[in-house]
Amino acid sequence: MKDFMMIFIGKEYTDLGLSQEEMQARMEKWFAWGNKMEQAGILRGGEALTPQIRRVTGQNRTVTDLTSADVKEIVGGFYLIKAKDFNAVQEIAQDFPDYDLGNTVEIREIMVFDH
């Protein structure tokens, strides 16, 4: 088994004008998906991220403060999971609750370094 990260990219719920009821229904889908992975013993962790962004770029370390409204897409969160391979993670990602909003799951394998 290998470690993978599913990175959730797209628009922030508040930027889409979702009602409180719509946001609550979506959160229930997220909790159900997380519980499904937890019950299967593959969920290793994960977090939702706030919409505030601070970027530090270039040799001069230029600092820019942004919000989700300032960018086209935002990393909204991630899950760390244990799986056999990319295909297994892709299968797990089929239950991502926000495909209908045009949001994306990016799958990355965690690199292991020998010490």
PDB file of N, CA and C in Angstrom:
ATOM      1  N   MET A   1       0.841  -1.186   0.000  1.00  0.00           N
ATOM      2  CA  MET A   1       0.000   0.000   0.000  1.00  0.00           C
ATOM      3  C   MET A   1       0.884   1.247   0.000  1.00  0.00           C
ATOM      4  N   LYS A   2       0.390   2.273  -0.673  1.00  0.00           N
ATOM      5  CA  LYS A   2       1.115   3.536  -0.783  1.00  0.00           C
ATOM      6  C   LYS A   2       0.260   4.660  -0.205  1.00  0.00           C
ATOM      7  N   ASP A   3       0.911   5.769   0.116  1.00  0.00           N
ATOM      8  CA  ASP A   3       0.200   6.949   0.604  1.00  0.00           C
ATOM      9  C   ASP A   3      -0.050   7.908  -0.552  1.00  0.00           C
ATOM     10  N   PHE A   4      -1.263   8.434  -0.596  1.00  0.00           N
ATOM     11  CA  PHE A   4      -1.668   9.382  -1.629  1.00  0.00           C
ATOM     12  C   PHE A   4      -2.357  10.576  -0.982  1.00  0.00           C
ATOM     13  N   MET A   5      -2.346  11.682  -1.705  1.00  0.00           N
ATOM     14  CA  MET A   5      -3.091  12.866  -1.303  1.00  0.00           C
ATOM     15  C   MET A   5      -4.111  13.163  -2.395  1.00  0.00           C
ATOM     16  N   MET A   6      -5.348  13.337  -1.983  1.00  0.00           N
ATOM     17  CA  MET A   6      -6.381  13.850  -2.882  1.00  0.00           C
ATOM     18  C   MET A   6      -6.532  15.327  -2.545  1.00  0.00           C
ATOM     19  N   ILE A   7      -6.255  16.185  -3.511  1.00  0.00           N
ATOM     20  CA  ILE A   7      -6.306  17.632  -3.324  1.00  0.00           C
ATOM     21  C   ILE A   7      -7.571  18.138  -4.005  1.00  0.00           C
ATOM     22  N   PHE A   8      -8.368  18.906  -3.294  1.00  0.00           N
ATOM     23  CA  PHE A   8      -9.661  19.367  -3.798  1.00  0.00           C
ATOM     24  C   PHE A   8      -9.540  20.805  -4.286  1.00  0.00           C
ATOM     25  N   ILE A   9      -9.790  20.993  -5.574  1.00  0.00           N
ATOM     26  CA  ILE A   9      -9.566  22.279  -6.237  1.00  0.00           C
ATOM     27  C   ILE A   9     -10.862  22.753  -6.875  1.00  0.00           C
ATOM     28  N   GLY A  10     -11.157  24.034  -6.727  1.00  0.00           N
ATOM     29  CA  GLY A  10     -12.341  24.589  -7.365  1.00  0.00           C
ATOM     30  C   GLY A  10     -12.759  25.890  -6.723  1.00  0.00           C
ATOM     31  N   LYS A  11     -14.039  26.141  -6.765  1.00  0.00           N
ATOM     32  CA  LYS A  11     -14.596  27.361  -6.189  1.00  0.00           C
ATOM     33  C   LYS A  11     -15.020  27.125  -4.749  1.00  0.00           C
ATOM     34  N   GLU A  12     -14.879  28.154  -3.947  1.00  0.00           N
ATOM     35  CA  GLU A  12     -15.314  28.150  -2.554  1.00  0.00           C
ATOM     36  C   GLU A  12     -16.843  28.234  -2.522  1.00  0.00           C
ATOM     37  N   TYR A  13     -17.475  27.476  -1.630  1.00  0.00           N
ATOM     38  CA  TYR A  13     -18.939  27.479  -1.534  1.00  0.00           C
ATOM     39  C   TYR A  13     -19.507  28.887  -1.397  1.00  0.00           C
ATOM     40  N   THR A  14     -18.892  29.702  -0.550  1.00  0.00           N
ATOM     41  CA  THR A  14     -19.429  31.045  -0.321  1.00  0.00           C
ATOM     42  C   THR A  14     -19.371  31.896  -1.586  1.00  0.00           C
ATOM     43  N   ASP A  15     -18.397  31.639  -2.463  1.00  0.00           N
ATOM     44  CA  ASP A  15     -18.291  32.391  -3.718  1.00  0.00           C
ATOM     45  C   ASP A  15     -19.331  31.953  -4.740  1.00  0.00           C
ATOM     46  N   LEU A  16     -19.932  30.786  -4.531  1.00  0.00           N
ATOM     47  CA  LEU A  16     -20.935  30.263  -5.463  1.00  0.00           C
ATOM     48  C   LEU A  16     -22.349  30.686  -5.092  1.00  0.00           C
ATOM     49  N   GLY A  17     -22.499  31.355  -3.955  1.00  0.00           N
ATOM     50  CA  GLY A  17     -23.817  31.818  -3.537  1.00  0.00           C
ATOM     51  C   GLY A  17     -24.733  30.706  -3.051  1.00  0.00           C
ATOM     52  N   LEU A  18     -24.163  29.625  -2.536  1.00  0.00           N
ATOM     53  CA  LEU A  18     -24.990  28.533  -2.028  1.00  0.00           C
ATOM     54  C   LEU A  18     -25.709  28.964  -0.753  1.00  0.00           C
ATOM     55  N   SER A  19     -26.931  28.512  -0.598  1.00  0.00           N
ATOM     56  CA  SER A  19     -27.691  28.807   0.618  1.00  0.00           C
ATOM     57  C   SER A  19     -27.128  27.985   1.775  1.00  0.00           C
ATOM     58  N   GLN A  20     -27.503  28.347   2.984  1.00  0.00           N
ATOM     59  CA  GLN A  20     -27.078  27.594   4.165  1.00  0.00           C
ATOM     60  C   GLN A  20     -27.523  26.138   4.062  1.00  0.00           C
ATOM     61  N   GLU A  21     -28.744  25.933   3.555  1.00  0.00           N
ATOM     62  CA  GLU A  21     -29.266  24.575   3.418  1.00  0.00           C
ATOM     63  C   GLU A  21     -28.452  23.776   2.403  1.00  0.00           C
ATOM     64  N   GLU A  22     -28.098  24.418   1.290  1.00  0.00           N
ATOM     65  CA  GLU A  22     -27.280  23.743   0.273  1.00  0.00           C
ATOM     66  C   GLU A  22     -25.893  23.416   0.819  1.00  0.00           C
ATOM     67  N   MET A  23     -25.322  24.351   1.558  1.00  0.00           N
ATOM     68  CA  MET A  23     -24.001  24.111   2.139  1.00  0.00           C
ATOM     69  C   MET A  23     -24.062  22.974   3.158  1.00  0.00           C
ATOM     70  N   GLN A  24     -25.117  22.940   3.962  1.00  0.00           N
ATOM     71  CA  GLN A  24     -25.274  21.875   4.959  1.00  0.00           C
ATOM     72  C   GLN A  24     -25.430  20.514   4.278  1.00  0.00           C
ATOM     73  N   ALA A  25     -26.219  20.460   3.211  1.00  0.00           N
ATOM     74  CA  ALA A  25     -26.401  19.203   2.477  1.00  0.00           C
ATOM     75  C   ALA A  25     -25.073  18.723   1.891  1.00  0.00           C
ATOM     76  N   ARG A  26     -24.281  19.647   1.382  1.00  0.00           N
ATOM     77  CA  ARG A  26     -22.966  19.279   0.831  1.00  0.00           C
ATOM     78  C   ARG A  26     -22.031  18.787   1.934  1.00  0.00           C
ATOM     79  N   MET A  27     -22.044  19.443   3.075  1.00  0.00           N
ATOM     80  CA  MET A  27     -21.182  19.019   4.176  1.00  0.00           C
ATOM     81  C   MET A  27     -21.559  17.612   4.647  1.00  0.00           C
ATOM     82  N   GLU A  28     -22.843  17.302   4.639  1.00  0.00           N
ATOM     83  CA  GLU A  28     -23.277  15.955   5.017  1.00  0.00           C
ATOM     84  C   GLU A  28     -22.720  14.920   4.041  1.00  0.00           C
ATOM     85  N   LYS A  29     -22.667  15.263   2.745  1.00  0.00           N
ATOM     86  CA  LYS A  29     -22.072  14.357   1.754  1.00  0.00           C
ATOM     87  C   LYS A  29     -20.577  14.183   2.014  1.00  0.00           C
ATOM     88  N   TRP A  30     -19.904  15.287   2.369  1.00  0.00           N
ATOM     89  CA  TRP A  30     -18.477  15.207   2.692  1.00  0.00           C
ATOM     90  C   TRP A  30     -18.247  14.303   3.897  1.00  0.00           C
ATOM     91  N   PHE A  31     -19.044  14.481   4.954  1.00  0.00           N
ATOM     92  CA  PHE A  31     -18.885  13.663   6.156  1.00  0.00           C
ATOM     93  C   PHE A  31     -19.144  12.194   5.846  1.00  0.00           C
ATOM     94  N   ALA A  32     -20.152  11.912   5.025  1.00  0.00           N
ATOM     95  CA  ALA A  32     -20.457  10.527   4.653  1.00  0.00           C
ATOM     96  C   ALA A  32     -19.298   9.907   3.873  1.00  0.00           C
ATOM     97  N   TRP A  33     -18.722  10.675   2.949  1.00  0.00           N
ATOM     98  CA  TRP A  33     -17.586  10.179   2.162  1.00  0.00           C
ATOM     99  C   TRP A  33     -16.383   9.907   3.070  1.00  0.00           C
ATOM    100  N   GLY A  34     -16.084  10.849   3.960  1.00  0.00           N
ATOM    101  CA  GLY A  34     -14.982  10.659   4.903  1.00  0.00           C
ATOM    102  C   GLY A  34     -15.209   9.455   5.807  1.00  0.00           C
ATOM    103  N   ASN A  35     -16.438   9.287   6.293  1.00  0.00           N
ATOM    104  CA  ASN A  35     -16.763   8.143   7.146  1.00  0.00           C
ATOM    105  C   ASN A  35     -16.607   6.828   6.391  1.00  0.00           C
ATOM    106  N   LYS A  36     -16.993   6.817   5.117  1.00  0.00           N
ATOM    107  CA  LYS A  36     -16.853   5.617   4.286  1.00  0.00           C
ATOM    108  C   LYS A  36     -15.376   5.216   4.182  1.00  0.00           C
ATOM    109  N   MET A  37     -14.503   6.199   3.954  1.00  0.00           N
ATOM    110  CA  MET A  37     -13.068   5.910   3.856  1.00  0.00           C
ATOM    111  C   MET A  37     -12.497   5.495   5.211  1.00  0.00           C
ATOM    112  N   GLU A  38     -12.985   6.133   6.270  1.00  0.00           N
ATOM    113  CA  GLU A  38     -12.516   5.791   7.612  1.00  0.00           C
ATOM    114  C   GLU A  38     -12.904   4.358   7.971  1.00  0.00           C
ATOM    115  N   GLN A  39     -14.139   3.983   7.662  1.00  0.00           N
ATOM    116  CA  GLN A  39     -14.605   2.621   7.935  1.00  0.00           C
ATOM    117  C   GLN A  39     -13.809   1.583   7.150  1.00  0.00           C
ATOM    118  N   ALA A  40     -13.360   1.962   5.942  1.00  0.00           N
ATOM    119  CA  ALA A  40     -12.557   1.062   5.107  1.00  0.00           C
ATOM    120  C   ALA A  40     -11.103   1.007   5.568  1.00  0.00           C
ATOM    121  N   GLY A  41     -10.736   1.867   6.519  1.00  0.00           N
ATOM    122  CA  GLY A  41      -9.387   1.870   7.058  1.00  0.00           C
ATOM    123  C   GLY A  41      -8.341   2.501   6.156  1.00  0.00           C
ATOM    124  N   ILE A  42      -8.777   3.342   5.207  1.00  0.00           N
ATOM    125  CA  ILE A  42      -7.823   3.939   4.261  1.00  0.00           C
ATOM    126  C   ILE A  42      -7.578   5.426   4.501  1.00  0.00           C
ATOM    127  N   LEU A  43      -8.434   6.070   5.275  1.00  0.00           N
ATOM    128  CA  LEU A  43      -8.284   7.503   5.531  1.00  0.00           C
ATOM    129  C   LEU A  43      -7.206   7.722   6.580  1.00  0.00           C
ATOM    130  N   ARG A  44      -6.177   8.488   6.224  1.00  0.00           N
ATOM    131  CA  ARG A  44      -5.056   8.751   7.122  1.00  0.00           C
ATOM    132  C   ARG A  44      -5.094  10.160   7.703  1.00  0.00           C
ATOM    133  N   GLY A  45      -5.926  11.009   7.144  1.00  0.00           N
ATOM    134  CA  GLY A  45      -6.034  12.375   7.633  1.00  0.00           C
ATOM    135  C   GLY A  45      -6.561  13.278   6.545  1.00  0.00           C
ATOM    136  N   GLY A  46      -6.707  14.534   6.877  1.00  0.00           N
ATOM    137  CA  GLY A  46      -7.186  15.507   5.918  1.00  0.00           C
ATOM    138  C   GLY A  46      -7.751  16.712   6.626  1.00  0.00           C
ATOM    139  N   GLU A  47      -7.863  17.775   5.877  1.00  0.00           N
ATOM    140  CA  GLU A  47      -8.370  19.021   6.451  1.00  0.00           C
ATOM    141  C   GLU A  47      -9.025  19.862   5.368  1.00  0.00           C
ATOM    142  N   ALA A  48      -9.969  20.680   5.784  1.00  0.00           N
ATOM    143  CA  ALA A  48     -10.496  21.747   4.930  1.00  0.00           C
ATOM    144  C   ALA A  48      -9.625  22.976   5.180  1.00  0.00           C
ATOM    145  N   LEU A  49      -9.481  23.802   4.169  1.00  0.00           N
ATOM    146  CA  LEU A  49      -8.649  25.001   4.279  1.00  0.00           C
ATOM    147  C   LEU A  49      -9.513  26.252   4.211  1.00  0.00           C
ATOM    148  N   THR A  50      -9.119  27.300   4.916  1.00  0.00           N
ATOM    149  CA  THR A  50      -9.853  28.560   4.866  1.00  0.00           C
ATOM    150  C   THR A  50      -9.632  29.221   3.509  1.00  0.00           C
ATOM    151  N   PRO A  51     -10.496  30.162   3.123  1.00  0.00           N
ATOM    152  CA  PRO A  51     -10.337  30.814   1.823  1.00  0.00           C
ATOM    153  C   PRO A  51      -9.298  31.935   1.797  1.00  0.00           C
ATOM    154  N   GLN A  52      -8.662  32.225   2.928  1.00  0.00           N
ATOM    155  CA  GLN A  52      -7.634  33.261   2.946  1.00  0.00           C
ATOM    156  C   GLN A  52      -6.317  32.668   2.445  1.00  0.00           C
ATOM    157  N   ILE A  53      -5.630  33.424   1.582  1.00  0.00           N
ATOM    158  CA  ILE A  53      -4.393  32.954   0.964  1.00  0.00           C
ATOM    159  C   ILE A  53      -3.309  34.008   1.173  1.00  0.00           C
ATOM    160  N   ARG A  54      -2.136  33.575   1.544  1.00  0.00           N
ATOM    161  CA  ARG A  54      -0.961  34.451   1.568  1.00  0.00           C
ATOM    162  C   ARG A  54       0.091  33.782   0.693  1.00  0.00           C
ATOM    163  N   ARG A  55       0.486  34.492  -0.367  1.00  0.00           N
ATOM    164  CA  ARG A  55       1.508  33.991  -1.284  1.00  0.00           C
ATOM    165  C   ARG A  55       2.801  34.758  -1.078  1.00  0.00           C
ATOM    166  N   VAL A  56       3.888  34.027  -1.035  1.00  0.00           N
ATOM    167  CA  VAL A  56       5.224  34.613  -0.981  1.00  0.00           C
ATOM    168  C   VAL A  56       5.943  34.121  -2.232  1.00  0.00           C
ATOM    169  N   THR A  57       6.349  35.059  -3.114  1.00  0.00           N
ATOM    170  CA  THR A  57       6.894  34.660  -4.409  1.00  0.00           C
ATOM    171  C   THR A  57       8.190  35.389  -4.743  1.00  0.00           C
ATOM    172  N   GLY A  58       8.993  34.715  -5.551  1.00  0.00           N
ATOM    173  CA  GLY A  58      10.176  35.322  -6.141  1.00  0.00           C
ATOM    174  C   GLY A  58      11.323  35.557  -5.187  1.00  0.00           C
ATOM    175  N   GLN A  59      12.437  35.981  -5.784  1.00  0.00           N
ATOM    176  CA  GLN A  59      13.643  36.236  -4.996  1.00  0.00           C
ATOM    177  C   GLN A  59      13.453  37.339  -3.968  1.00  0.00           C
ATOM    178  N   ASN A  60      12.564  38.287  -4.265  1.00  0.00           N
ATOM    179  CA  ASN A  60      12.303  39.383  -3.322  1.00  0.00           C
ATOM    180  C   ASN A  60      11.285  39.014  -2.260  1.00  0.00           C
ATOM    181  N   ARG A  61      10.769  37.789  -2.340  1.00  0.00           N
ATOM    182  CA  ARG A  61       9.766  37.297  -1.377  1.00  0.00           C
ATOM    183  C   ARG A  61       8.579  38.245  -1.288  1.00  0.00           C
ATOM    184  N   THR A  62       8.022  38.583  -2.436  1.00  0.00           N
ATOM    185  CA  THR A  62       6.866  39.470  -2.499  1.00  0.00           C
ATOM    186  C   THR A  62       5.667  38.788  -1.853  1.00  0.00           C
ATOM    187  N   VAL A  63       5.018  39.494  -0.938  1.00  0.00           N
ATOM    188  CA  VAL A  63       3.881  38.951  -0.202  1.00  0.00           C
ATOM    189  C   VAL A  63       2.594  39.525  -0.775  1.00  0.00           C
ATOM    190  N   THR A  64       1.647  38.628  -1.082  1.00  0.00           N
ATOM    191  CA  THR A  64       0.341  39.028  -1.581  1.00  0.00           C
ATOM    192  C   THR A  64      -0.721  38.312  -0.765  1.00  0.00           C
ATOM    193  N   ASP A  65      -1.668  39.061  -0.201  1.00  0.00           N
ATOM    194  CA  ASP A  65      -2.804  38.478   0.501  1.00  0.00           C
ATOM    195  C   ASP A  65      -3.986  38.441  -0.448  1.00  0.00           C
ATOM    196  N   LEU A  66      -4.622  37.274  -0.531  1.00  0.00           N
ATOM    197  CA  LEU A  66      -5.752  37.063  -1.437  1.00  0.00           C
ATOM    198  C   LEU A  66      -6.873  36.357  -0.689  1.00  0.00           C
ATOM    199  N   THR A  67      -8.042  36.366  -1.303  1.00  0.00           N
ATOM    200  CA  THR A  67      -9.144  35.524  -0.845  1.00  0.00           C
ATOM    201  C   THR A  67      -9.561  34.652  -2.013  1.00  0.00           C
ATOM    202  N   SER A  68     -10.446  33.726  -1.768  1.00  0.00           N
ATOM    203  CA  SER A  68     -10.901  32.830  -2.829  1.00  0.00           C
ATOM    204  C   SER A  68     -11.532  33.602  -3.981  1.00  0.00           C
ATOM    205  N   ALA A  69     -12.110  34.760  -3.706  1.00  0.00           N
ATOM    206  CA  ALA A  69     -12.731  35.569  -4.765  1.00  0.00           C
ATOM    207  C   ALA A  69     -11.688  36.163  -5.713  1.00  0.00           C
ATOM    208  N   ASP A  70     -10.427  36.232  -5.277  1.00  0.00           N
ATOM    209  CA  ASP A  70      -9.357  36.829  -6.078  1.00  0.00           C
ATOM    210  C   ASP A  70      -8.699  35.854  -7.050  1.00  0.00           C
ATOM    211  N   VAL A  71      -8.973  34.576  -6.920  1.00  0.00           N
ATOM    212  CA  VAL A  71      -8.310  33.570  -7.749  1.00  0.00           C
ATOM    213  C   VAL A  71      -9.338  32.749  -8.517  1.00  0.00           C
ATOM    214  N   LYS A  72      -8.907  32.162  -9.623  1.00  0.00           N
ATOM    215  CA  LYS A  72      -9.812  31.358 -10.449  1.00  0.00           C
ATOM    216  C   LYS A  72     -10.225  30.076  -9.732  1.00  0.00           C
ATOM    217  N   GLU A  73      -9.251  29.405  -9.140  1.00  0.00           N
ATOM    218  CA  GLU A  73      -9.506  28.176  -8.396  1.00  0.00           C
ATOM    219  C   GLU A  73      -8.737  28.229  -7.085  1.00  0.00           C
ATOM    220  N   ILE A  74      -9.247  27.496  -6.111  1.00  0.00           N
ATOM    221  CA  ILE A  74      -8.617  27.481  -4.795  1.00  0.00           C
ATOM    222  C   ILE A  74      -8.479  26.034  -4.335  1.00  0.00           C
ATOM    223  N   VAL A  75      -7.408  25.755  -3.613  1.00  0.00           N
ATOM    224  CA  VAL A  75      -7.289  24.458  -2.953  1.00  0.00           C
ATOM    225  C   VAL A  75      -8.146  24.550  -1.697  1.00  0.00           C
ATOM    226  N   GLY A  76      -9.222  23.787  -1.679  1.00  0.00           N
ATOM    227  CA  GLY A  76     -10.162  23.862  -0.568  1.00  0.00           C
ATOM    228  C   GLY A  76      -9.867  22.900   0.563  1.00  0.00           C
ATOM    229  N   GLY A  77      -9.024  21.898   0.277  1.00  0.00           N
ATOM    230  CA  GLY A  77      -8.694  20.926   1.306  1.00  0.00           C
ATOM    231  C   GLY A  77      -8.033  19.708   0.698  1.00  0.00           C
ATOM    232  N   PHE A  78      -7.843  18.704   1.543  1.00  0.00           N
ATOM    233  CA  PHE A  78      -7.174  17.492   1.086  1.00  0.00           C
ATOM    234  C   PHE A  78      -7.518  16.327   2.005  1.00  0.00           C
ATOM    235  N   TYR A  79      -7.373  15.128   1.477  1.00  0.00           N
ATOM    236  CA  TYR A  79      -7.396  13.899   2.265  1.00  0.00           C
ATOM    237  C   TYR A  79      -6.104  13.154   1.999  1.00  0.00           C
ATOM    238  N   LEU A  80      -5.562  12.542   3.019  1.00  0.00           N
ATOM    239  CA  LEU A  80      -4.448  11.613   2.888  1.00  0.00           C
ATOM    240  C   LEU A  80      -5.025  10.214   3.019  1.00  0.00           C
ATOM    241  N   ILE A  81      -4.733   9.365   2.040  1.00  0.00           N
ATOM    242  CA  ILE A  81      -5.287   8.016   2.079  1.00  0.00           C
ATOM    243  C   ILE A  81      -4.215   6.989   1.737  1.00  0.00           C
ATOM    244  N   LYS A  82      -4.491   5.764   2.108  1.00  0.00           N
ATOM    245  CA  LYS A  82      -3.641   4.622   1.825  1.00  0.00           C
ATOM    246  C   LYS A  82      -4.359   3.813   0.748  1.00  0.00           C
ATOM    247  N   ALA A  83      -3.638   3.504  -0.348  1.00  0.00           N
ATOM    248  CA  ALA A  83      -4.247   2.746  -1.442  1.00  0.00           C
ATOM    249  C   ALA A  83      -3.173   1.977  -2.204  1.00  0.00           C
ATOM    250  N   LYS A  84      -3.609   1.020  -3.001  1.00  0.00           N
ATOM    251  CA  LYS A  84      -2.689   0.185  -3.778  1.00  0.00           C
ATOM    252  C   LYS A  84      -1.982   0.980  -4.862  1.00  0.00           C
ATOM    253  N   ASP A  85      -2.763   1.813  -5.598  1.00  0.00           N
ATOM    254  CA  ASP A  85      -2.196   2.531  -6.738  1.00  0.00           C
ATOM    255  C   ASP A  85      -3.125   3.678  -7.141  1.00  0.00           C
ATOM    256  N   PHE A  86      -2.731   4.403  -8.193  1.00  0.00           N
ATOM    257  CA  PHE A  86      -3.538   5.531  -8.672  1.00  0.00           C
ATOM    258  C   PHE A  86      -4.957   5.101  -9.038  1.00  0.00           C
ATOM    259  N   ASN A  87      -5.096   3.937  -9.657  1.00  0.00           N
ATOM    260  CA  ASN A  87      -6.424   3.470 -10.059  1.00  0.00           C
ATOM    261  C   ASN A  87      -7.341   3.284  -8.857  1.00  0.00           C
ATOM    262  N   ALA A  88      -6.791   2.779  -7.762  1.00  0.00           N
ATOM    263  CA  ALA A  88      -7.592   2.603  -6.549  1.00  0.00           C
ATOM    264  C   ALA A  88      -8.033   3.951  -5.989  1.00  0.00           C
ATOM    265  N   VAL A  89      -7.149   4.935  -6.031  1.00  0.00           N
ATOM    266  CA  VAL A  89      -7.501   6.272  -5.544  1.00  0.00           C
ATOM    267  C   VAL A  89      -8.534   6.906  -6.467  1.00  0.00           C
ATOM    268  N   GLN A  90      -8.373   6.714  -7.760  1.00  0.00           N
ATOM    269  CA  GLN A  90      -9.347   7.249  -8.717  1.00  0.00           C
ATOM    270  C   GLN A  90     -10.735   6.680  -8.440  1.00  0.00           C
ATOM    271  N   GLU A  91     -10.803   5.419  -8.087  1.00  0.00           N
ATOM    272  CA  GLU A  91     -12.087   4.792  -7.745  1.00  0.00           C
ATOM    273  C   GLU A  91     -12.681   5.445  -6.494  1.00  0.00           C
ATOM    274  N   ILE A  92     -11.853   5.688  -5.497  1.00  0.00           N
ATOM    275  CA  ILE A  92     -12.304   6.355  -4.270  1.00  0.00           C
ATOM    276  C   ILE A  92     -12.805   7.763  -4.588  1.00  0.00           C
ATOM    277  N   ALA A  93     -12.118   8.439  -5.499  1.00  0.00           N
ATOM    278  CA  ALA A  93     -12.461   9.820  -5.858  1.00  0.00           C
ATOM    279  C   ALA A  93     -13.783   9.926  -6.610  1.00  0.00           C
ATOM    280  N   GLN A  94     -14.343   8.813  -7.049  1.00  0.00           N
ATOM    281  CA  GLN A  94     -15.630   8.855  -7.745  1.00  0.00           C
ATOM    282  C   GLN A  94     -16.731   9.437  -6.866  1.00  0.00           C
ATOM    283  N   ASP A  95     -16.590   9.321  -5.551  1.00  0.00           N
ATOM    284  CA  ASP A  95     -17.614   9.811  -4.616  1.00  0.00           C
ATOM    285  C   ASP A  95     -17.402  11.261  -4.181  1.00  0.00           C
ATOM    286  N   PHE A  96     -16.418  11.951  -4.758  1.00  0.00           N
ATOM    287  CA  PHE A  96     -16.185  13.368  -4.438  1.00  0.00           C
ATOM    288  C   PHE A  96     -17.492  14.144  -4.611  1.00  0.00           C
ATOM    289  N   PRO A  97     -17.940  14.878  -3.598  1.00  0.00           N
ATOM    290  CA  PRO A  97     -19.260  15.501  -3.633  1.00  0.00           C
ATOM    291  C   PRO A  97     -19.418  16.708  -4.558  1.00  0.00           C
ATOM    292  N   ASP A  98     -18.334  17.272  -5.069  1.00  0.00           N
ATOM    293  CA  ASP A  98     -18.443  18.565  -5.744  1.00  0.00           C
ATOM    294  C   ASP A  98     -18.136  18.558  -7.238  1.00  0.00           C
ATOM    295  N   TYR A  99     -18.179  17.394  -7.869  1.00  0.00           N
ATOM    296  CA  TYR A  99     -17.975  17.376  -9.322  1.00  0.00           C
ATOM    297  C   TYR A  99     -19.041  18.207 -10.036  1.00  0.00           C
ATOM    298  N   ASP A 100     -20.264  18.198  -9.513  1.00  0.00           N
ATOM    299  CA  ASP A 100     -21.355  18.938 -10.157  1.00  0.00           C
ATOM    300  C   ASP A 100     -21.139  20.448 -10.118  1.00  0.00           C
ATOM    301  N   LEU A 101     -20.232  20.930  -9.271  1.00  0.00           N
ATOM    302  CA  LEU A 101     -19.903  22.355  -9.208  1.00  0.00           C
ATOM    303  C   LEU A 101     -18.733  22.704 -10.125  1.00  0.00           C
ATOM    304  N   GLY A 102     -18.228  21.702 -10.842  1.00  0.00           N
ATOM    305  CA  GLY A 102     -17.075  21.913 -11.707  1.00  0.00           C
ATOM    306  C   GLY A 102     -15.752  21.791 -10.968  1.00  0.00           C
ATOM    307  N   ASN A 103     -15.791  21.319  -9.727  1.00  0.00           N
ATOM    308  CA  ASN A 103     -14.572  21.190  -8.936  1.00  0.00           C
ATOM    309  C   ASN A 103     -13.812  19.920  -9.306  1.00  0.00           C
ATOM    310  N   THR A 104     -12.570  19.841  -8.857  1.00  0.00           N
ATOM    311  CA  THR A 104     -11.618  18.832  -9.316  1.00  0.00           C
ATOM    312  C   THR A 104     -10.965  18.115  -8.144  1.00  0.00           C
ATOM    313  N   VAL A 105     -10.642  16.843  -8.355  1.00  0.00           N
ATOM    314  CA  VAL A 105      -9.784  16.103  -7.433  1.00  0.00           C
ATOM    315  C   VAL A 105      -8.459  15.861  -8.144  1.00  0.00           C
ATOM    316  N   GLU A 106      -7.380  16.341  -7.545  1.00  0.00           N
ATOM    317  CA  GLU A 106      -6.040  16.052  -8.053  1.00  0.00           C
ATOM    318  C   GLU A 106      -5.433  14.987  -7.152  1.00  0.00           C
ATOM    319  N   ILE A 107      -4.947  13.915  -7.752  1.00  0.00           N
ATOM    320  CA  ILE A 107      -4.386  12.795  -7.001  1.00  0.00           C
ATOM    321  C   ILE A 107      -2.867  12.834  -7.125  1.00  0.00           C
ATOM    322  N   ARG A 108      -2.192  12.797  -5.983  1.00  0.00           N
ATOM    323  CA  ARG A 108      -0.727  12.812  -5.964  1.00  0.00           C
ATOM    324  C   ARG A 108      -0.235  11.724  -5.021  1.00  0.00           C
ATOM    325  N   GLU A 109       0.770  10.987  -5.462  1.00  0.00           N
ATOM    326  CA  GLU A 109       1.397  10.003  -4.585  1.00  0.00           C
ATOM    327  C   GLU A 109       2.390  10.724  -3.677  1.00  0.00           C
ATOM    328  N   ILE A 110       2.424  10.325  -2.410  1.00  0.00           N
ATOM    329  CA  ILE A 110       3.355  10.902  -1.453  1.00  0.00           C
ATOM    330  C   ILE A 110       4.736  10.297  -1.719  1.00  0.00           C
ATOM    331  N   MET A 111       5.713  11.159  -1.891  1.00  0.00           N
ATOM    332  CA  MET A 111       7.074  10.709  -2.162  1.00  0.00           C
ATOM    333  C   MET A 111       7.720  10.222  -0.868  1.00  0.00           C
ATOM    334  N   VAL A 112       8.400   9.091  -0.957  1.00  0.00           N
ATOM    335  CA  VAL A 112       9.086   8.520   0.196  1.00  0.00           C
ATOM    336  C   VAL A 112      10.585   8.669  -0.024  1.00  0.00           C
ATOM    337  N   PHE A 113      11.261   9.255   0.941  1.00  0.00           N
ATOM    338  CA  PHE A 113      12.709   9.440   0.871  1.00  0.00           C
ATOM    339  C   PHE A 113      13.391   8.474   1.826  1.00  0.00           C
ATOM    340  N   ASP A 114      14.480   7.890   1.380  1.00  0.00           N
ATOM    341  CA  ASP A 114      15.311   7.079   2.269  1.00  0.00           C
ATOM    342  C   ASP A 114      16.204   8.018   3.061  1.00  0.00           C
ATOM    343  N   HIS A 115      16.298   7.789   4.362  1.00  0.00           N
ATOM    344  CA  HIS A 115      17.134   8.658   5.203  1.00  0.00           C
ATOM    345  C   HIS A 115      18.500   8.065   5.381  1.00  0.00           C
TER     346      HIS A 115
END
